Amino acid sequence: MTMQTTPISPDGNAVHRFVVGRDGEGHWIARDEEGLTGGVFADRNSAVRFATMESGHRAGAIRFAPASVRLSLFN
């Protein structure tokens, strides 16, 4: 019996999961967990709006970093 496989498109139904929190300077950061996209924002609402749009409005795609954690776009 031969099994056929179909490659999965990287852009298919992938769910980008985002983390929202502050960096060491107090800016709001929203970044996906794979480090593919993100941004620095002036306020929390803007960071959440970005993450919401980028994740396709999927429930559970955004989590918030604890206040003691400092986020960075680069790590």
PDB file of N, CA and C in Angstrom:
ATOM      1  N   MET A   1       0.841  -1.165   0.000  1.00  0.00           N
ATOM      2  CA  MET A   1       0.000   0.000   0.000  1.00  0.00           C
ATOM      3  C   MET A   1       0.896   1.241   0.000  1.00  0.00           C
ATOM      4  N   THR A   2       0.632   2.165  -0.914  1.00  0.00           N
ATOM      5  CA  THR A   2       1.393   3.402  -1.010  1.00  0.00           C
ATOM      6  C   THR A   2       0.570   4.544  -0.438  1.00  0.00           C
ATOM      7  N   MET A   3       1.213   5.306   0.403  1.00  0.00           N
ATOM      8  CA  MET A   3       0.521   6.434   1.032  1.00  0.00           C
ATOM      9  C   MET A   3       0.911   7.718   0.325  1.00  0.00           C
ATOM     10  N   GLN A   4      -0.063   8.518  -0.056  1.00  0.00           N
ATOM     11  CA  GLN A   4       0.218   9.793  -0.696  1.00  0.00           C
ATOM     12  C   GLN A   4       0.207  10.898   0.347  1.00  0.00           C
ATOM     13  N   THR A   5       1.114  11.823   0.169  1.00  0.00           N
ATOM     14  CA  THR A   5       1.148  12.981   1.061  1.00  0.00           C
ATOM     15  C   THR A   5       0.976  14.243   0.242  1.00  0.00           C
ATOM     16  N   THR A   6       0.389  15.219   0.841  1.00  0.00           N
ATOM     17  CA  THR A   6       0.192  16.516   0.211  1.00  0.00           C
ATOM     18  C   THR A   6       0.904  17.559   1.047  1.00  0.00           C
ATOM     19  N   PRO A   7       1.810  18.332   0.424  1.00  0.00           N
ATOM     20  CA  PRO A   7       2.496  19.361   1.206  1.00  0.00           C
ATOM     21  C   PRO A   7       1.513  20.407   1.712  1.00  0.00           C
ATOM     22  N   ILE A   8       1.791  20.913   2.882  1.00  0.00           N
ATOM     23  CA  ILE A   8       0.956  21.960   3.474  1.00  0.00           C
ATOM     24  C   ILE A   8       1.588  23.303   3.165  1.00  0.00           C
ATOM     25  N   SER A   9       0.805  24.189   2.605  1.00  0.00           N
ATOM     26  CA  SER A   9       1.283  25.530   2.282  1.00  0.00           C
ATOM     27  C   SER A   9       1.620  26.280   3.557  1.00  0.00           C
ATOM     28  N   PRO A  10       2.778  26.956   3.599  1.00  0.00           N
ATOM     29  CA  PRO A  10       3.120  27.705   4.801  1.00  0.00           C
ATOM     30  C   PRO A  10       2.133  28.821   5.112  1.00  0.00           C
ATOM     31  N   ASP A  11       1.442  29.319   4.099  1.00  0.00           N
ATOM     32  CA  ASP A  11       0.479  30.393   4.312  1.00  0.00           C
ATOM     33  C   ASP A  11      -0.935  29.853   4.459  1.00  0.00           C
ATOM     34  N   GLY A  12      -1.105  28.544   4.448  1.00  0.00           N
ATOM     35  CA  GLY A  12      -2.423  27.924   4.486  1.00  0.00           C
ATOM     36  C   GLY A  12      -3.301  28.436   5.603  1.00  0.00           C
ATOM     37  N   ASN A  13      -3.613  27.603   6.545  1.00  0.00           N
ATOM     38  CA  ASN A  13      -4.466  27.986   7.663  1.00  0.00           C
ATOM     39  C   ASN A  13      -3.655  28.197   8.933  1.00  0.00           C
ATOM     40  N   ALA A  14      -2.421  28.606   8.767  1.00  0.00           N
ATOM     41  CA  ALA A  14      -1.556  28.803   9.928  1.00  0.00           C
ATOM     42  C   ALA A  14      -2.140  29.873  10.842  1.00  0.00           C
ATOM     43  N   VAL A  15      -2.119  29.599  12.117  1.00  0.00           N
ATOM     44  CA  VAL A  15      -2.592  30.562  13.104  1.00  0.00           C
ATOM     45  C   VAL A  15      -1.371  31.235  13.707  1.00  0.00           C
ATOM     46  N   HIS A  16      -1.273  32.521  13.491  1.00  0.00           N
ATOM     47  CA  HIS A  16      -0.201  33.265  14.140  1.00  0.00           C
ATOM     48  C   HIS A  16      -0.647  33.543  15.564  1.00  0.00           C
ATOM     49  N   ARG A  17       0.148  33.147  16.501  1.00  0.00           N
ATOM     50  CA  ARG A  17      -0.144  33.425  17.899  1.00  0.00           C
ATOM     51  C   ARG A  17       0.745  34.581  18.331  1.00  0.00           C
ATOM     52  N   PHE A  18       0.146  35.566  18.964  1.00  0.00           N
ATOM     53  CA  PHE A  18       0.853  36.779  19.337  1.00  0.00           C
ATOM     54  C   PHE A  18       0.981  36.931  20.839  1.00  0.00           C
ATOM     55  N   VAL A  19       2.074  37.580  21.217  1.00  0.00           N
ATOM     56  CA  VAL A  19       2.304  37.975  22.597  1.00  0.00           C
ATOM     57  C   VAL A  19       2.299  39.499  22.606  1.00  0.00           C
ATOM     58  N   VAL A  20       1.575  40.081  23.552  1.00  0.00           N
ATOM     59  CA  VAL A  20       1.520  41.533  23.713  1.00  0.00           C
ATOM     60  C   VAL A  20       2.031  41.866  25.105  1.00  0.00           C
ATOM     61  N   GLY A  21       2.909  42.854  25.181  1.00  0.00           N
ATOM     62  CA  GLY A  21       3.452  43.303  26.461  1.00  0.00           C
ATOM     63  C   GLY A  21       4.331  44.519  26.247  1.00  0.00           C
ATOM     64  N   ARG A  22       5.067  44.894  27.275  1.00  0.00           N
ATOM     65  CA  ARG A  22       5.926  46.079  27.200  1.00  0.00           C
ATOM     66  C   ARG A  22       7.393  45.699  27.078  1.00  0.00           C
ATOM     67  N   ASP A  23       8.143  46.595  26.434  1.00  0.00           N
ATOM     68  CA  ASP A  23       9.586  46.411  26.391  1.00  0.00           C
ATOM     69  C   ASP A  23      10.219  47.130  27.581  1.00  0.00           C
ATOM     70  N   GLY A  24      11.526  47.136  27.662  1.00  0.00           N
ATOM     71  CA  GLY A  24      12.232  47.750  28.779  1.00  0.00           C
ATOM     72  C   GLY A  24      12.074  49.252  28.874  1.00  0.00           C
ATOM     73  N   GLU A  25      11.629  49.890  27.795  1.00  0.00           N
ATOM     74  CA  GLU A  25      11.439  51.341  27.784  1.00  0.00           C
ATOM     75  C   GLU A  25       9.978  51.736  27.938  1.00  0.00           C
ATOM     76  N   GLY A  26       9.109  50.761  28.145  1.00  0.00           N
ATOM     77  CA  GLY A  26       7.695  51.056  28.358  1.00  0.00           C
ATOM     78  C   GLY A  26       6.839  51.079  27.111  1.00  0.00           C
ATOM     79  N   HIS A  27       7.446  50.835  25.932  1.00  0.00           N
ATOM     80  CA  HIS A  27       6.665  50.770  24.697  1.00  0.00           C
ATOM     81  C   HIS A  27       5.876  49.466  24.659  1.00  0.00           C
ATOM     82  N   TRP A  28       4.767  49.486  23.977  1.00  0.00           N
ATOM     83  CA  TRP A  28       3.970  48.269  23.807  1.00  0.00           C
ATOM     84  C   TRP A  28       4.481  47.499  22.604  1.00  0.00           C
ATOM     85  N   ILE A  29       4.670  46.202  22.776  1.00  0.00           N
ATOM     86  CA  ILE A  29       5.174  45.308  21.737  1.00  0.00           C
ATOM     87  C   ILE A  29       4.101  44.269  21.428  1.00  0.00           C
ATOM     88  N   ALA A  30       3.917  44.003  20.158  1.00  0.00           N
ATOM     89  CA  ALA A  30       3.097  42.868  19.721  1.00  0.00           C
ATOM     90  C   ALA A  30       3.966  42.100  18.745  1.00  0.00           C
ATOM     91  N   ARG A  31       4.167  40.807  19.011  1.00  0.00           N
ATOM     92  CA  ARG A  31       4.974  39.995  18.100  1.00  0.00           C
ATOM     93  C   ARG A  31       4.435  38.583  18.059  1.00  0.00           C
ATOM     94  N   ASP A  32       4.570  37.968  16.895  1.00  0.00           N
ATOM     95  CA  ASP A  32       4.132  36.583  16.813  1.00  0.00           C
ATOM     96  C   ASP A  32       5.198  35.699  17.440  1.00  0.00           C
ATOM     97  N   GLU A  33       4.791  34.535  17.896  1.00  0.00           N
ATOM     98  CA  GLU A  33       5.683  33.662  18.651  1.00  0.00           C
ATOM     99  C   GLU A  33       6.808  33.078  17.810  1.00  0.00           C
ATOM    100  N   GLU A  34       6.698  33.155  16.495  1.00  0.00           N
ATOM    101  CA  GLU A  34       7.755  32.650  15.624  1.00  0.00           C
ATOM    102  C   GLU A  34       8.725  33.743  15.205  1.00  0.00           C
ATOM    103  N   GLY A  35       8.471  34.979  15.610  1.00  0.00           N
ATOM    104  CA  GLY A  35       9.359  36.081  15.267  1.00  0.00           C
ATOM    105  C   GLY A  35       9.264  36.530  13.821  1.00  0.00           C
ATOM    106  N   LEU A  36       8.156  36.238  13.162  1.00  0.00           N
ATOM    107  CA  LEU A  36       7.994  36.596  11.759  1.00  0.00           C
ATOM    108  C   LEU A  36       7.458  38.001  11.555  1.00  0.00           C
ATOM    109  N   THR A  37       6.662  38.483  12.483  1.00  0.00           N
ATOM    110  CA  THR A  37       6.090  39.816  12.357  1.00  0.00           C
ATOM    111  C   THR A  37       5.844  40.394  13.739  1.00  0.00           C
ATOM    112  N   GLY A  38       5.777  41.692  13.803  1.00  0.00           N
ATOM    113  CA  GLY A  38       5.524  42.358  15.071  1.00  0.00           C
ATOM    114  C   GLY A  38       5.711  43.853  14.920  1.00  0.00           C
ATOM    115  N   GLY A  39       5.551  44.569  16.016  1.00  0.00           N
ATOM    116  CA  GLY A  39       5.708  46.008  15.968  1.00  0.00           C
ATOM    117  C   GLY A  39       5.788  46.617  17.346  1.00  0.00           C
ATOM    118  N   VAL A  40       6.183  47.892  17.358  1.00  0.00           N
ATOM    119  CA  VAL A  40       6.262  48.694  18.574  1.00  0.00           C
ATOM    120  C   VAL A  40       5.134  49.711  18.494  1.00  0.00           C
ATOM    121  N   PHE A  41       4.376  49.843  19.576  1.00  0.00           N
ATOM    122  CA  PHE A  41       3.169  50.665  19.554  1.00  0.00           C
ATOM    123  C   PHE A  41       3.150  51.643  20.720  1.00  0.00           C
ATOM    124  N   ALA A  42       2.443  52.744  20.520  1.00  0.00           N
ATOM    125  CA  ALA A  42       2.349  53.789  21.540  1.00  0.00           C
ATOM    126  C   ALA A  42       1.443  53.395  22.691  1.00  0.00           C
ATOM    127  N   ASP A  43       0.467  52.521  22.426  1.00  0.00           N
ATOM    128  CA  ASP A  43      -0.453  52.134  23.493  1.00  0.00           C
ATOM    129  C   ASP A  43      -0.895  50.687  23.322  1.00  0.00           C
ATOM    130  N   ARG A  44      -1.474  50.163  24.382  1.00  0.00           N
ATOM    131  CA  ARG A  44      -1.897  48.756  24.419  1.00  0.00           C
ATOM    132  C   ARG A  44      -2.949  48.457  23.355  1.00  0.00           C
ATOM    133  N   ASN A  45      -3.920  49.350  23.199  1.00  0.00           N
ATOM    134  CA  ASN A  45      -4.996  49.122  22.224  1.00  0.00           C
ATOM    135  C   ASN A  45      -4.458  48.967  20.805  1.00  0.00           C
ATOM    136  N   SER A  46      -3.457  49.766  20.451  1.00  0.00           N
ATOM    137  CA  SER A  46      -2.871  49.663  19.110  1.00  0.00           C
ATOM    138  C   SER A  46      -2.153  48.335  18.923  1.00  0.00           C
ATOM    139  N   ALA A  47      -1.441  47.882  19.948  1.00  0.00           N
ATOM    140  CA  ALA A  47      -0.744  46.595  19.882  1.00  0.00           C
ATOM    141  C   ALA A  47      -1.743  45.451  19.735  1.00  0.00           C
ATOM    142  N   VAL A  48      -2.818  45.508  20.502  1.00  0.00           N
ATOM    143  CA  VAL A  48      -3.844  44.464  20.432  1.00  0.00           C
ATOM    144  C   VAL A  48      -4.549  44.503  19.079  1.00  0.00           C
ATOM    145  N   ARG A  49      -4.828  45.686  18.566  1.00  0.00           N
ATOM    146  CA  ARG A  49      -5.487  45.807  17.257  1.00  0.00           C
ATOM    147  C   ARG A  49      -4.621  45.171  16.166  1.00  0.00           C
ATOM    148  N   PHE A  50      -3.316  45.460  16.194  1.00  0.00           N
ATOM    149  CA  PHE A  50      -2.393  44.867  15.226  1.00  0.00           C
ATOM    150  C   PHE A  50      -2.411  43.340  15.319  1.00  0.00           C
ATOM    151  N   ALA A  51      -2.264  42.822  16.529  1.00  0.00           N
ATOM    152  CA  ALA A  51      -2.236  41.371  16.727  1.00  0.00           C
ATOM    153  C   ALA A  51      -3.551  40.730  16.300  1.00  0.00           C
ATOM    154  N   THR A  52      -4.648  41.399  16.574  1.00  0.00           N
ATOM    155  CA  THR A  52      -5.964  40.890  16.187  1.00  0.00           C
ATOM    156  C   THR A  52      -6.083  40.793  14.673  1.00  0.00           C
ATOM    157  N   MET A  53      -5.676  41.840  13.982  1.00  0.00           N
ATOM    158  CA  MET A  53      -5.750  41.843  12.519  1.00  0.00           C
ATOM    159  C   MET A  53      -4.822  40.788  11.924  1.00  0.00           C
ATOM    160  N   GLU A  54      -3.600  40.721  12.414  1.00  0.00           N
ATOM    161  CA  GLU A  54      -2.618  39.785  11.870  1.00  0.00           C
ATOM    162  C   GLU A  54      -2.982  38.329  12.136  1.00  0.00           C
ATOM    163  N   SER A  55      -3.721  38.073  13.196  1.00  0.00           N
ATOM    164  CA  SER A  55      -4.102  36.697  13.526  1.00  0.00           C
ATOM    165  C   SER A  55      -5.450  36.312  12.926  1.00  0.00           C
ATOM    166  N   GLY A  56      -6.012  37.193  12.113  1.00  0.00           N
ATOM    167  CA  GLY A  56      -7.280  36.881  11.461  1.00  0.00           C
ATOM    168  C   GLY A  56      -8.453  36.838  12.418  1.00  0.00           C
ATOM    169  N   HIS A  57      -8.376  37.605  13.504  1.00  0.00           N
ATOM    170  CA  HIS A  57      -9.455  37.681  14.499  1.00  0.00           C
ATOM    171  C   HIS A  57      -9.759  36.328  15.143  1.00  0.00           C
ATOM    172  N   ARG A  58      -8.783  35.438  15.184  1.00  0.00           N
ATOM    173  CA  ARG A  58      -9.005  34.108  15.777  1.00  0.00           C
ATOM    174  C   ARG A  58      -8.995  34.192  17.294  1.00  0.00           C
ATOM    175  N   ALA A  59      -9.984  33.586  17.899  1.00  0.00           N
ATOM    176  CA  ALA A  59     -10.066  33.550  19.364  1.00  0.00           C
ATOM    177  C   ALA A  59      -8.863  32.797  19.923  1.00  0.00           C
ATOM    178  N   GLY A  60      -8.291  33.319  20.966  1.00  0.00           N
ATOM    179  CA  GLY A  60      -7.176  32.660  21.636  1.00  0.00           C
ATOM    180  C   GLY A  60      -5.827  32.868  20.985  1.00  0.00           C
ATOM    181  N   ALA A  61      -5.747  33.695  19.949  1.00  0.00           N
ATOM    182  CA  ALA A  61      -4.481  33.892  19.250  1.00  0.00           C
ATOM    183  C   ALA A  61      -3.579  34.917  19.930  1.00  0.00           C
ATOM    184  N   ILE A  62      -4.104  35.642  20.909  1.00  0.00           N
ATOM    185  CA  ILE A  62      -3.310  36.669  21.589  1.00  0.00           C
ATOM    186  C   ILE A  62      -3.205  36.324  23.061  1.00  0.00           C
ATOM    187  N   ARG A  63      -1.988  36.408  23.565  1.00  0.00           N
ATOM    188  CA  ARG A  63      -1.804  36.269  25.009  1.00  0.00           C
ATOM    189  C   ARG A  63      -0.997  37.463  25.486  1.00  0.00           C
ATOM    190  N   PHE A  64      -1.128  37.768  26.749  1.00  0.00           N
ATOM    191  CA  PHE A  64      -0.458  38.923  27.320  1.00  0.00           C
ATOM    192  C   PHE A  64       0.684  38.468  28.209  1.00  0.00           C
ATOM    193  N   ALA A  65       1.829  39.118  28.034  1.00  0.00           N
ATOM    194  CA  ALA A  65       2.997  38.806  28.857  1.00  0.00           C
ATOM    195  C   ALA A  65       2.762  39.341  30.265  1.00  0.00           C
ATOM    196  N   PRO A  66       3.246  38.640  31.284  1.00  0.00           N
ATOM    197  CA  PRO A  66       3.148  39.170  32.651  1.00  0.00           C
ATOM    198  C   PRO A  66       3.885  40.508  32.746  1.00  0.00           C
ATOM    199  N   ALA A  67       3.452  41.363  33.642  1.00  0.00           N
ATOM    200  CA  ALA A  67       4.059  42.694  33.788  1.00  0.00           C
ATOM    201  C   ALA A  67       5.554  42.613  34.090  1.00  0.00           C
ATOM    202  N   SER A  68       5.996  41.541  34.716  1.00  0.00           N
ATOM    203  CA  SER A  68       7.414  41.397  35.068  1.00  0.00           C
ATOM    204  C   SER A  68       8.288  40.999  33.879  1.00  0.00           C
ATOM    205  N   VAL A  69       7.676  40.622  32.751  1.00  0.00           N
ATOM    206  CA  VAL A  69       8.417  40.190  31.564  1.00  0.00           C
ATOM    207  C   VAL A  69       8.559  41.358  30.606  1.00  0.00           C
ATOM    208  N   ARG A  70       9.772  41.571  30.100  1.00  0.00           N
ATOM    209  CA  ARG A  70      10.033  42.622  29.120  1.00  0.00           C
ATOM    210  C   ARG A  70      10.202  41.980  27.755  1.00  0.00           C
ATOM    211  N   LEU A  71       9.374  42.384  26.814  1.00  0.00           N
ATOM    212  CA  LEU A  71       9.428  41.830  25.461  1.00  0.00           C
ATOM    213  C   LEU A  71      10.415  42.592  24.591  1.00  0.00           C
ATOM    214  N   SER A  72      10.823  41.954  23.522  1.00  0.00           N
ATOM    215  CA  SER A  72      11.663  42.561  22.503  1.00  0.00           C
ATOM    216  C   SER A  72      11.219  42.009  21.159  1.00  0.00           C
ATOM    217  N   LEU A  73      11.387  42.788  20.119  1.00  0.00           N
ATOM    218  CA  LEU A  73      11.075  42.286  18.784  1.00  0.00           C
ATOM    219  C   LEU A  73      12.160  41.345  18.279  1.00  0.00           C
ATOM    220  N   PHE A  74      13.309  41.373  18.907  1.00  0.00           N
ATOM    221  CA  PHE A  74      14.479  40.704  18.347  1.00  0.00           C
ATOM    222  C   PHE A  74      14.883  39.413  19.034  1.00  0.00           C
ATOM    223  N   ASN A  75      14.144  38.963  20.043  1.00  0.00           N
ATOM    224  CA  ASN A  75      14.502  37.677  20.663  1.00  0.00           C
ATOM    225  C   ASN A  75      13.275  36.932  21.112  1.00  0.00           C
TER     226      ASN A  75
END
